[in-house]
N, C-alpha and C. Protein backbone atom coordinates (compact mmCIF):
# COMPACT_ATOMS: atom_id res chain seq x y z
N UNK A 1 -13.96 -0.64 -10.37
CA UNK A 1 -13.54 -1.88 -9.75
C UNK A 1 -13.39 -2.94 -10.84
N UNK A 2 -12.63 -3.99 -10.50
CA UNK A 2 -12.42 -5.07 -11.44
C UNK A 2 -13.62 -6.00 -11.50
N UNK A 3 -13.84 -6.62 -12.66
CA UNK A 3 -14.87 -7.65 -12.73
C UNK A 3 -14.51 -8.81 -11.80
N UNK A 4 -15.52 -9.57 -11.37
CA UNK A 4 -15.31 -10.65 -10.41
C UNK A 4 -14.25 -11.64 -10.89
N UNK A 5 -14.18 -11.95 -12.18
CA UNK A 5 -13.18 -12.89 -12.68
C UNK A 5 -11.77 -12.38 -12.39
N UNK A 6 -11.56 -11.07 -12.53
CA UNK A 6 -10.25 -10.50 -12.27
C UNK A 6 -9.96 -10.42 -10.78
N UNK A 7 -10.99 -10.29 -9.97
CA UNK A 7 -10.79 -10.24 -8.52
C UNK A 7 -10.18 -11.55 -8.04
N UNK A 8 -10.58 -12.64 -8.64
CA UNK A 8 -10.09 -13.95 -8.22
C UNK A 8 -8.68 -14.24 -8.73
N UNK A 9 -8.25 -13.55 -9.78
CA UNK A 9 -6.93 -13.80 -10.36
C UNK A 9 -5.85 -13.21 -9.46
N UNK A 10 -4.74 -13.88 -9.35
CA UNK A 10 -3.63 -13.38 -8.56
C UNK A 10 -3.16 -12.05 -9.14
N UNK A 11 -3.05 -11.04 -8.29
CA UNK A 11 -2.69 -9.72 -8.78
C UNK A 11 -1.24 -9.64 -9.26
N UNK A 12 -0.37 -10.52 -8.78
CA UNK A 12 1.03 -10.45 -9.19
C UNK A 12 1.26 -10.89 -10.62
N UNK A 13 0.38 -11.73 -11.17
CA UNK A 13 0.58 -12.18 -12.55
C UNK A 13 -0.30 -11.41 -13.54
N UNK A 14 -1.08 -10.48 -13.04
CA UNK A 14 -1.95 -9.68 -13.91
C UNK A 14 -1.12 -8.59 -14.59
N UNK A 15 -1.52 -8.18 -15.80
CA UNK A 15 -0.83 -7.06 -16.45
C UNK A 15 -0.93 -5.79 -15.61
N UNK A 16 0.06 -4.94 -15.76
CA UNK A 16 0.03 -3.65 -15.07
C UNK A 16 -1.05 -2.81 -15.74
N UNK A 17 -2.02 -2.39 -14.97
CA UNK A 17 -3.13 -1.59 -15.48
C UNK A 17 -3.35 -0.41 -14.55
N UNK A 18 -3.27 0.79 -15.10
CA UNK A 18 -3.55 2.00 -14.33
C UNK A 18 -4.93 2.49 -14.75
N UNK A 19 -5.80 2.67 -13.78
CA UNK A 19 -7.16 3.12 -14.06
C UNK A 19 -7.39 4.46 -13.38
N UNK A 20 -8.38 5.19 -13.87
CA UNK A 20 -8.74 6.45 -13.23
C UNK A 20 -9.19 6.20 -11.79
N UNK A 21 -9.06 7.22 -10.98
CA UNK A 21 -9.45 7.12 -9.57
C UNK A 21 -10.89 6.64 -9.46
N UNK A 22 -11.12 5.72 -8.55
CA UNK A 22 -12.46 5.19 -8.30
C UNK A 22 -12.91 5.69 -6.93
N UNK A 23 -13.97 6.49 -6.87
CA UNK A 23 -14.41 7.03 -5.58
C UNK A 23 -14.88 5.96 -4.60
N UNK A 24 -14.99 4.72 -5.05
CA UNK A 24 -15.35 3.62 -4.13
C UNK A 24 -14.15 3.08 -3.37
N UNK A 25 -12.93 3.43 -3.77
CA UNK A 25 -11.76 2.88 -3.10
C UNK A 25 -11.74 3.14 -1.59
N UNK A 26 -12.08 4.33 -1.12
CA UNK A 26 -12.10 4.52 0.34
C UNK A 26 -13.08 3.58 1.05
N UNK A 27 -14.22 3.30 0.43
CA UNK A 27 -15.19 2.40 1.05
C UNK A 27 -14.68 0.95 1.04
N UNK A 28 -13.99 0.56 -0.04
CA UNK A 28 -13.40 -0.78 -0.09
C UNK A 28 -12.36 -0.90 1.02
N UNK A 29 -11.52 0.12 1.14
CA UNK A 29 -10.53 0.13 2.23
C UNK A 29 -11.22 0.00 3.58
N UNK A 30 -12.26 0.80 3.82
CA UNK A 30 -12.95 0.79 5.12
C UNK A 30 -13.51 -0.60 5.44
N UNK A 31 -14.08 -1.26 4.45
CA UNK A 31 -14.61 -2.60 4.68
C UNK A 31 -13.52 -3.59 5.04
N UNK A 32 -12.41 -3.53 4.31
CA UNK A 32 -11.27 -4.40 4.61
C UNK A 32 -10.70 -4.07 5.99
N UNK A 33 -10.53 -2.80 6.27
CA UNK A 33 -9.99 -2.36 7.56
C UNK A 33 -10.86 -2.87 8.71
N UNK A 34 -12.16 -2.73 8.58
CA UNK A 34 -13.05 -3.14 9.66
C UNK A 34 -12.96 -4.64 9.92
N UNK A 35 -12.89 -5.42 8.85
CA UNK A 35 -12.78 -6.88 9.00
C UNK A 35 -11.46 -7.25 9.67
N UNK A 36 -10.38 -6.60 9.22
CA UNK A 36 -9.05 -6.87 9.77
C UNK A 36 -8.98 -6.43 11.23
N UNK A 37 -9.49 -5.25 11.53
CA UNK A 37 -9.46 -4.74 12.90
C UNK A 37 -10.24 -5.65 13.84
N UNK A 38 -11.36 -6.16 13.38
CA UNK A 38 -12.15 -7.08 14.21
C UNK A 38 -11.35 -8.35 14.52
N UNK A 39 -10.53 -8.78 13.58
CA UNK A 39 -9.75 -10.01 13.79
C UNK A 39 -8.54 -9.79 14.69
N UNK A 40 -7.84 -8.67 14.51
CA UNK A 40 -6.60 -8.47 15.28
C UNK A 40 -6.80 -7.69 16.57
N UNK A 41 -7.96 -7.05 16.69
CA UNK A 41 -8.30 -6.35 17.93
C UNK A 41 -7.26 -5.32 18.33
N UNK A 42 -6.94 -5.32 19.60
CA UNK A 42 -6.04 -4.33 20.18
C UNK A 42 -4.58 -4.48 19.77
N UNK A 43 -4.25 -5.51 19.00
CA UNK A 43 -2.88 -5.65 18.52
C UNK A 43 -2.55 -4.57 17.50
N UNK A 44 -3.56 -4.06 16.83
CA UNK A 44 -3.34 -3.02 15.81
C UNK A 44 -3.48 -1.64 16.46
N UNK A 45 -2.47 -0.81 16.30
CA UNK A 45 -2.61 0.59 16.70
C UNK A 45 -3.56 1.29 15.74
N UNK A 46 -3.43 0.93 14.46
CA UNK A 46 -4.29 1.49 13.41
C UNK A 46 -4.05 0.69 12.14
N UNK A 47 -4.94 0.87 11.17
CA UNK A 47 -4.76 0.28 9.84
C UNK A 47 -4.75 1.45 8.86
N UNK A 48 -3.65 1.58 8.13
CA UNK A 48 -3.46 2.70 7.21
C UNK A 48 -3.82 2.29 5.78
N UNK A 49 -4.49 3.18 5.07
CA UNK A 49 -4.71 3.04 3.63
C UNK A 49 -3.52 3.71 2.97
N UNK A 50 -2.70 2.94 2.28
CA UNK A 50 -1.48 3.46 1.66
C UNK A 50 -1.53 3.16 0.17
N UNK A 51 -0.52 3.62 -0.54
CA UNK A 51 -0.48 3.40 -1.98
C UNK A 51 -1.34 4.43 -2.71
N UNK A 52 -1.35 4.31 -4.01
CA UNK A 52 -2.01 5.31 -4.85
C UNK A 52 -3.51 5.38 -4.65
N UNK A 53 -4.15 4.26 -4.30
CA UNK A 53 -5.60 4.31 -4.09
C UNK A 53 -5.97 5.12 -2.85
N UNK A 54 -4.99 5.46 -2.04
CA UNK A 54 -5.22 6.26 -0.84
C UNK A 54 -5.13 7.77 -1.09
N UNK A 55 -4.85 8.14 -2.33
CA UNK A 55 -4.70 9.55 -2.69
C UNK A 55 -5.91 9.95 -3.54
N UNK A 56 -6.82 10.74 -2.99
CA UNK A 56 -8.01 11.14 -3.74
C UNK A 56 -7.66 11.73 -5.11
N UNK A 57 -8.33 11.20 -6.13
CA UNK A 57 -8.15 11.70 -7.49
C UNK A 57 -7.00 11.07 -8.26
N UNK A 58 -6.16 10.27 -7.61
CA UNK A 58 -4.98 9.72 -8.27
C UNK A 58 -5.32 8.42 -9.00
N UNK A 59 -4.95 8.34 -10.26
CA UNK A 59 -5.09 7.08 -11.01
C UNK A 59 -4.15 6.06 -10.39
N UNK A 60 -4.55 4.79 -10.47
CA UNK A 60 -3.77 3.75 -9.78
C UNK A 60 -4.07 2.38 -10.36
N UNK A 61 -3.25 1.41 -9.96
CA UNK A 61 -3.64 0.02 -10.17
C UNK A 61 -4.82 -0.20 -9.23
N UNK A 62 -5.86 -0.89 -9.66
CA UNK A 62 -7.06 -1.05 -8.81
C UNK A 62 -6.89 -2.11 -7.73
N UNK A 63 -5.89 -1.87 -6.88
CA UNK A 63 -5.54 -2.79 -5.79
C UNK A 63 -5.33 -1.94 -4.54
N UNK A 64 -6.11 -2.20 -3.51
CA UNK A 64 -6.01 -1.44 -2.27
C UNK A 64 -4.80 -1.93 -1.48
N UNK A 65 -3.98 -1.02 -0.99
CA UNK A 65 -2.85 -1.36 -0.12
C UNK A 65 -3.19 -0.94 1.30
N UNK A 66 -3.05 -1.88 2.23
CA UNK A 66 -3.31 -1.62 3.64
C UNK A 66 -2.10 -2.02 4.47
N UNK A 67 -1.83 -1.26 5.51
CA UNK A 67 -0.77 -1.62 6.44
C UNK A 67 -1.34 -1.59 7.86
N UNK A 68 -1.21 -2.73 8.53
CA UNK A 68 -1.55 -2.79 9.95
C UNK A 68 -0.33 -2.31 10.71
N UNK A 69 -0.51 -1.29 11.54
CA UNK A 69 0.57 -0.75 12.35
C UNK A 69 0.45 -1.35 13.75
N UNK A 70 1.52 -2.03 14.17
CA UNK A 70 1.55 -2.64 15.50
C UNK A 70 2.57 -1.91 16.37
N UNK A 71 2.40 -2.00 17.67
CA UNK A 71 3.28 -1.27 18.59
C UNK A 71 4.71 -1.75 18.52
N UNK A 72 4.89 -3.06 18.48
CA UNK A 72 6.24 -3.62 18.46
C UNK A 72 6.27 -4.91 17.67
N UNK A 73 7.42 -5.20 17.14
CA UNK A 73 7.60 -6.40 16.30
C UNK A 73 7.24 -7.68 17.04
N UNK A 74 7.39 -7.67 18.35
CA UNK A 74 7.07 -8.85 19.15
C UNK A 74 5.59 -9.24 19.04
N UNK A 75 4.74 -8.32 18.62
CA UNK A 75 3.31 -8.60 18.46
C UNK A 75 3.00 -9.36 17.17
N UNK A 76 3.98 -9.49 16.28
CA UNK A 76 3.74 -10.10 14.97
C UNK A 76 3.17 -11.52 15.03
N UNK A 77 3.72 -12.44 15.83
CA UNK A 77 3.15 -13.80 15.82
C UNK A 77 1.66 -13.83 16.17
N UNK A 78 1.24 -13.01 17.11
CA UNK A 78 -0.18 -12.97 17.47
C UNK A 78 -1.02 -12.38 16.34
N UNK A 79 -0.48 -11.39 15.63
CA UNK A 79 -1.19 -10.80 14.49
C UNK A 79 -1.30 -11.82 13.36
N UNK A 80 -0.22 -12.54 13.08
CA UNK A 80 -0.25 -13.57 12.04
C UNK A 80 -1.33 -14.61 12.37
N UNK A 81 -1.36 -15.06 13.60
CA UNK A 81 -2.35 -16.06 14.01
C UNK A 81 -3.77 -15.51 13.87
N UNK A 82 -3.98 -14.26 14.25
CA UNK A 82 -5.31 -13.65 14.13
C UNK A 82 -5.74 -13.52 12.68
N UNK A 83 -4.81 -13.11 11.82
CA UNK A 83 -5.14 -12.96 10.40
C UNK A 83 -5.42 -14.30 9.73
N UNK A 84 -4.76 -15.35 10.18
CA UNK A 84 -5.02 -16.68 9.62
C UNK A 84 -6.46 -17.10 9.87
N UNK A 85 -7.05 -16.65 10.98
CA UNK A 85 -8.43 -17.05 11.28
C UNK A 85 -9.44 -16.47 10.28
N UNK A 86 -9.04 -15.41 9.55
CA UNK A 86 -9.94 -14.85 8.54
C UNK A 86 -9.42 -15.08 7.11
N UNK A 87 -8.48 -16.02 6.98
CA UNK A 87 -8.07 -16.47 5.65
C UNK A 87 -6.81 -15.89 5.07
N UNK A 88 -6.08 -15.04 5.79
CA UNK A 88 -4.83 -14.51 5.26
C UNK A 88 -3.71 -15.51 5.47
N UNK A 89 -2.76 -15.53 4.53
CA UNK A 89 -1.58 -16.39 4.64
C UNK A 89 -0.33 -15.52 4.66
N UNK A 90 0.49 -15.70 5.67
CA UNK A 90 1.72 -14.92 5.86
C UNK A 90 2.76 -15.33 4.81
N UNK A 91 3.37 -14.33 4.16
CA UNK A 91 4.38 -14.58 3.13
C UNK A 91 5.79 -14.20 3.56
N UNK A 92 5.96 -13.57 4.71
CA UNK A 92 7.27 -13.08 5.12
C UNK A 92 7.46 -11.65 4.66
N UNK A 93 8.71 -11.19 4.68
CA UNK A 93 8.96 -9.78 4.38
C UNK A 93 9.15 -9.48 2.90
N UNK A 94 9.24 -10.50 2.07
CA UNK A 94 9.41 -10.34 0.61
C UNK A 94 10.53 -9.37 0.27
N UNK A 95 11.59 -9.40 1.06
CA UNK A 95 12.76 -8.57 0.79
C UNK A 95 12.73 -7.17 1.36
N UNK A 96 11.69 -6.82 2.09
CA UNK A 96 11.63 -5.50 2.73
C UNK A 96 11.61 -5.73 4.24
N UNK A 97 12.78 -5.62 4.87
CA UNK A 97 12.88 -5.91 6.30
C UNK A 97 11.88 -5.10 7.13
N UNK A 98 11.22 -5.81 8.04
CA UNK A 98 10.29 -5.15 8.95
C UNK A 98 8.89 -4.96 8.40
N UNK A 99 8.67 -5.31 7.13
CA UNK A 99 7.34 -5.21 6.53
C UNK A 99 6.90 -6.61 6.14
N UNK A 100 5.92 -7.13 6.85
CA UNK A 100 5.44 -8.49 6.61
C UNK A 100 4.25 -8.45 5.65
N UNK A 101 4.26 -9.32 4.66
CA UNK A 101 3.23 -9.36 3.63
C UNK A 101 2.32 -10.57 3.83
N UNK A 102 1.09 -10.42 3.33
CA UNK A 102 0.09 -11.48 3.46
C UNK A 102 -0.64 -11.67 2.13
N UNK A 103 -0.98 -12.93 1.84
CA UNK A 103 -1.82 -13.26 0.69
C UNK A 103 -3.27 -13.09 1.14
N UNK A 104 -4.06 -12.41 0.33
CA UNK A 104 -5.46 -12.14 0.68
C UNK A 104 -6.32 -13.39 0.57
N UNK A 105 -7.38 -13.42 1.34
CA UNK A 105 -8.30 -14.57 1.25
C UNK A 105 -9.04 -14.57 -0.09
N UNK A 106 -9.37 -15.74 -0.59
CA UNK A 106 -10.17 -15.82 -1.83
C UNK A 106 -11.50 -15.09 -1.64
N UNK A 107 -11.96 -14.49 -2.72
CA UNK A 107 -13.26 -13.83 -2.70
C UNK A 107 -13.27 -12.44 -2.13
N UNK A 108 -12.11 -11.91 -1.74
CA UNK A 108 -12.04 -10.54 -1.22
C UNK A 108 -11.59 -9.59 -2.33
N UNK A 109 -11.89 -8.31 -2.20
CA UNK A 109 -11.43 -7.36 -3.22
C UNK A 109 -9.91 -7.39 -3.36
N UNK A 110 -9.41 -7.06 -4.54
CA UNK A 110 -7.95 -7.04 -4.74
C UNK A 110 -7.29 -6.10 -3.74
N UNK A 111 -6.37 -6.64 -2.97
CA UNK A 111 -5.62 -5.81 -2.03
C UNK A 111 -4.34 -6.50 -1.61
N UNK A 112 -3.44 -5.66 -1.11
CA UNK A 112 -2.19 -6.12 -0.53
C UNK A 112 -2.25 -5.74 0.95
N UNK A 113 -1.91 -6.68 1.81
CA UNK A 113 -1.92 -6.42 3.25
C UNK A 113 -0.52 -6.60 3.79
N UNK A 114 -0.10 -5.61 4.58
CA UNK A 114 1.21 -5.63 5.22
C UNK A 114 1.04 -5.35 6.71
N UNK A 115 2.06 -5.74 7.47
CA UNK A 115 2.11 -5.42 8.90
C UNK A 115 3.49 -4.84 9.17
N UNK A 116 3.52 -3.70 9.87
CA UNK A 116 4.77 -3.05 10.26
C UNK A 116 4.66 -2.57 11.69
N UNK A 117 5.78 -2.58 12.39
CA UNK A 117 5.83 -1.93 13.70
C UNK A 117 5.80 -0.42 13.49
N UNK A 118 5.29 0.29 14.46
CA UNK A 118 5.12 1.75 14.36
C UNK A 118 6.43 2.47 14.07
N UNK A 119 7.55 1.94 14.52
CA UNK A 119 8.84 2.61 14.32
C UNK A 119 9.57 2.17 13.06
N UNK A 120 8.90 1.46 12.17
CA UNK A 120 9.51 0.95 10.95
C UNK A 120 9.82 2.08 9.97
N UNK A 121 11.05 2.12 9.49
CA UNK A 121 11.47 3.17 8.56
C UNK A 121 10.70 3.11 7.24
N UNK A 122 10.45 1.90 6.72
CA UNK A 122 9.69 1.77 5.48
C UNK A 122 8.28 2.35 5.64
N UNK A 123 7.65 2.10 6.78
CA UNK A 123 6.32 2.66 7.03
C UNK A 123 6.36 4.18 7.00
N UNK A 124 7.36 4.77 7.63
CA UNK A 124 7.49 6.23 7.62
C UNK A 124 7.62 6.75 6.19
N UNK A 125 8.38 6.06 5.36
CA UNK A 125 8.56 6.48 3.97
C UNK A 125 7.24 6.39 3.19
N UNK A 126 6.53 5.27 3.37
CA UNK A 126 5.26 5.07 2.66
C UNK A 126 4.25 6.15 3.05
N UNK A 127 4.17 6.45 4.33
CA UNK A 127 3.22 7.47 4.79
C UNK A 127 3.64 8.86 4.31
N UNK A 128 4.93 9.13 4.30
CA UNK A 128 5.41 10.43 3.82
C UNK A 128 5.08 10.61 2.34
N UNK A 129 5.27 9.56 1.55
CA UNK A 129 4.95 9.63 0.12
C UNK A 129 3.46 9.86 -0.09
N UNK A 130 2.64 9.07 0.57
CA UNK A 130 1.18 9.22 0.45
C UNK A 130 0.74 10.63 0.84
N UNK A 131 1.20 11.09 1.99
CA UNK A 131 0.77 12.39 2.48
C UNK A 131 1.25 13.54 1.59
N UNK A 132 2.45 13.40 1.03
CA UNK A 132 2.96 14.43 0.12
C UNK A 132 2.09 14.49 -1.14
N UNK A 133 1.76 13.34 -1.70
CA UNK A 133 0.91 13.35 -2.90
C UNK A 133 -0.47 13.92 -2.60
N UNK A 134 -0.98 13.67 -1.41
CA UNK A 134 -2.29 14.20 -1.03
C UNK A 134 -2.29 15.73 -0.96
N UNK A 135 -1.16 16.32 -0.67
CA UNK A 135 -1.09 17.78 -0.48
C UNK A 135 -0.34 18.52 -1.59
N UNK A 136 0.15 17.80 -2.57
CA UNK A 136 0.90 18.41 -3.67
C UNK A 136 0.36 17.89 -5.01
N UNK A 137 -0.74 18.48 -5.51
CA UNK A 137 -1.38 17.96 -6.72
C UNK A 137 -0.48 17.96 -7.95
N UNK A 138 0.44 18.91 -8.07
CA UNK A 138 1.32 18.91 -9.24
C UNK A 138 2.23 17.68 -9.23
N UNK A 139 2.74 17.33 -8.06
CA UNK A 139 3.58 16.14 -7.95
C UNK A 139 2.74 14.89 -8.22
N UNK A 140 1.53 14.86 -7.70
CA UNK A 140 0.63 13.72 -7.94
C UNK A 140 0.36 13.57 -9.44
N UNK A 141 0.14 14.68 -10.13
CA UNK A 141 -0.11 14.64 -11.58
C UNK A 141 1.12 14.09 -12.32
N UNK A 142 2.30 14.55 -11.93
CA UNK A 142 3.53 14.05 -12.55
C UNK A 142 3.68 12.55 -12.31
N UNK A 143 3.33 12.12 -11.10
CA UNK A 143 3.42 10.69 -10.78
C UNK A 143 2.46 9.87 -11.63
N UNK A 144 1.25 10.36 -11.82
CA UNK A 144 0.28 9.65 -12.66
C UNK A 144 0.82 9.53 -14.09
N UNK A 145 1.37 10.59 -14.62
CA UNK A 145 1.92 10.55 -15.98
C UNK A 145 3.03 9.51 -16.08
N UNK A 146 3.89 9.49 -15.08
CA UNK A 146 4.97 8.51 -15.06
C UNK A 146 4.40 7.09 -14.99
N UNK A 147 3.45 6.86 -14.10
CA UNK A 147 2.87 5.53 -13.95
C UNK A 147 2.20 5.05 -15.24
N UNK A 148 1.45 5.92 -15.89
CA UNK A 148 0.79 5.53 -17.14
C UNK A 148 1.82 5.17 -18.22
N UNK A 149 2.86 5.96 -18.30
CA UNK A 149 3.91 5.69 -19.29
C UNK A 149 4.60 4.35 -19.00
N UNK A 150 4.94 4.14 -17.73
CA UNK A 150 5.62 2.90 -17.35
C UNK A 150 4.70 1.69 -17.48
N UNK A 151 3.42 1.86 -17.19
CA UNK A 151 2.47 0.75 -17.33
C UNK A 151 2.37 0.32 -18.80
N UNK A 152 2.43 1.28 -19.70
CA UNK A 152 2.40 0.96 -21.13
C UNK A 152 3.69 0.24 -21.52
N UNK A 153 4.81 0.74 -21.02
CA UNK A 153 6.12 0.19 -21.37
C UNK A 153 6.35 -1.19 -20.76
N UNK A 154 5.91 -1.38 -19.51
CA UNK A 154 6.18 -2.62 -18.79
C UNK A 154 4.90 -3.38 -18.45
N UNK A 155 3.97 -3.40 -19.36
CA UNK A 155 2.63 -3.97 -19.10
C UNK A 155 2.68 -5.38 -18.52
N UNK A 156 3.61 -6.20 -18.96
CA UNK A 156 3.67 -7.59 -18.49
C UNK A 156 4.85 -7.85 -17.56
N UNK A 157 5.46 -6.79 -17.05
CA UNK A 157 6.63 -6.96 -16.16
C UNK A 157 6.48 -6.05 -14.95
N UNK A 158 5.76 -6.55 -13.93
CA UNK A 158 5.50 -5.76 -12.73
C UNK A 158 6.78 -5.36 -12.02
N UNK A 159 7.77 -6.23 -11.99
CA UNK A 159 9.02 -5.91 -11.31
C UNK A 159 9.71 -4.72 -11.99
N UNK A 160 9.76 -4.71 -13.31
CA UNK A 160 10.37 -3.60 -14.04
C UNK A 160 9.57 -2.32 -13.85
N UNK A 161 8.25 -2.42 -13.87
CA UNK A 161 7.37 -1.27 -13.64
C UNK A 161 7.69 -0.65 -12.28
N UNK A 162 7.74 -1.48 -11.26
CA UNK A 162 8.00 -0.99 -9.90
C UNK A 162 9.39 -0.38 -9.80
N UNK A 163 10.39 -1.06 -10.36
CA UNK A 163 11.77 -0.56 -10.30
C UNK A 163 11.90 0.79 -11.01
N UNK A 164 11.19 0.97 -12.11
CA UNK A 164 11.30 2.20 -12.88
C UNK A 164 10.71 3.40 -12.15
N UNK A 165 9.84 3.17 -11.17
CA UNK A 165 9.26 4.27 -10.38
C UNK A 165 10.13 4.68 -9.20
N UNK A 166 11.13 3.87 -8.88
CA UNK A 166 11.89 4.04 -7.64
C UNK A 166 12.56 5.41 -7.50
N UNK A 167 13.22 5.88 -8.53
CA UNK A 167 13.93 7.16 -8.42
C UNK A 167 12.95 8.30 -8.14
N UNK A 168 11.81 8.30 -8.82
CA UNK A 168 10.81 9.34 -8.59
C UNK A 168 10.32 9.27 -7.15
N UNK A 169 9.95 8.09 -6.71
CA UNK A 169 9.41 7.92 -5.35
C UNK A 169 10.45 8.33 -4.32
N UNK A 170 11.69 7.89 -4.50
CA UNK A 170 12.75 8.25 -3.55
C UNK A 170 12.93 9.77 -3.47
N UNK A 171 12.84 10.44 -4.60
CA UNK A 171 12.96 11.90 -4.60
C UNK A 171 11.83 12.58 -3.85
N UNK A 172 10.61 12.10 -4.08
CA UNK A 172 9.45 12.67 -3.37
C UNK A 172 9.57 12.40 -1.87
N UNK A 173 9.96 11.20 -1.51
CA UNK A 173 10.09 10.86 -0.09
C UNK A 173 11.15 11.73 0.57
N UNK A 174 12.27 11.93 -0.09
CA UNK A 174 13.33 12.78 0.48
C UNK A 174 12.81 14.20 0.71
N UNK A 175 12.09 14.72 -0.27
CA UNK A 175 11.51 16.06 -0.12
C UNK A 175 10.50 16.09 1.02
N UNK A 176 9.61 15.11 1.04
CA UNK A 176 8.56 15.06 2.06
C UNK A 176 9.16 14.96 3.46
N UNK A 177 10.16 14.11 3.60
CA UNK A 177 10.75 13.91 4.93
C UNK A 177 11.58 15.11 5.36
N UNK A 178 12.17 15.81 4.41
CA UNK A 178 12.94 17.01 4.78
C UNK A 178 12.00 18.14 5.21
N UNK A 179 10.79 18.16 4.64
CA UNK A 179 9.81 19.18 5.03
C UNK A 179 9.21 18.91 6.41
N UNK A 180 9.19 17.65 6.82
CA UNK A 180 8.58 17.31 8.11
C UNK A 180 9.60 17.13 9.22
N UNK A 181 10.89 17.10 8.86
CA UNK A 181 11.92 16.94 9.90
C UNK A 181 12.11 18.25 10.65
N UNK A 182 12.32 18.15 11.97
CA UNK A 182 12.58 19.38 12.72
C UNK A 182 13.93 19.97 12.27
N UNK A 183 13.94 21.27 12.11
CA UNK A 183 15.16 21.95 11.67
C UNK A 183 16.07 22.21 12.85
N UNK A 184 17.36 22.01 12.63
CA UNK A 184 18.34 22.22 13.70
C UNK A 184 18.43 23.68 14.11
N UNK A 185 18.16 24.59 13.16
CA UNK A 185 18.28 26.02 13.48
C UNK A 185 16.97 26.62 13.96
N UNK A 186 15.96 25.82 14.16
CA UNK A 186 14.66 26.35 14.58
C UNK A 186 14.63 26.64 16.07
C-alpha cells in the first residue's frame, strides 16, 4: 500500500507506478464496497472490483477500481446524491459514455469509483477483460510485462501510458467476448 502522504495526493498527477500484487487489495476493496453499499442501499445491484488490482497475483498501479452497477441509468441522480453524503464528488462521464466517475473522499485509500447501468457496453468490456486475465495466466503475465515497460516509458504521462495499452486490451476483450458469446451454429 502507499504511504499516507501518497494516499492524500491526487492519483491523476502521480507518476505511473506499477507495484507487485498486494494481497491486501481485496480487503481494501471490501471495505470500500461495504461503505459504498451502505450509502447507496438497494440502488446498487452490486459493486464490482475491476482493474488490475482485481486480478490475483497481477502487478498494478496501487489504486483500487470499483464500479457500482445500477439497474438503469434513471437511478443515477439518486446514486449521486447518496454518494455525496459520504464525500464523493461526481465528475461526469470523463469521455466514456454511460460510465460516471467520482472523486474519492479525502482520507480514503487510493481508488477510482464509477457507476454504470447493468446493460452498459463499457462495463461488459471491463468485466470481460478482468475475468479473462483471472483465468489466463499467460495473458496476465504478458499484460504485466507490457504495463511495466509502458510505466517506465511514460512515467509522467498517464494519458500516454493508458493509450499505449489500448491495442492489447482491445485484443484481449475481443477474444474474451468471442469466447463467451453464444455461437450461431451451436
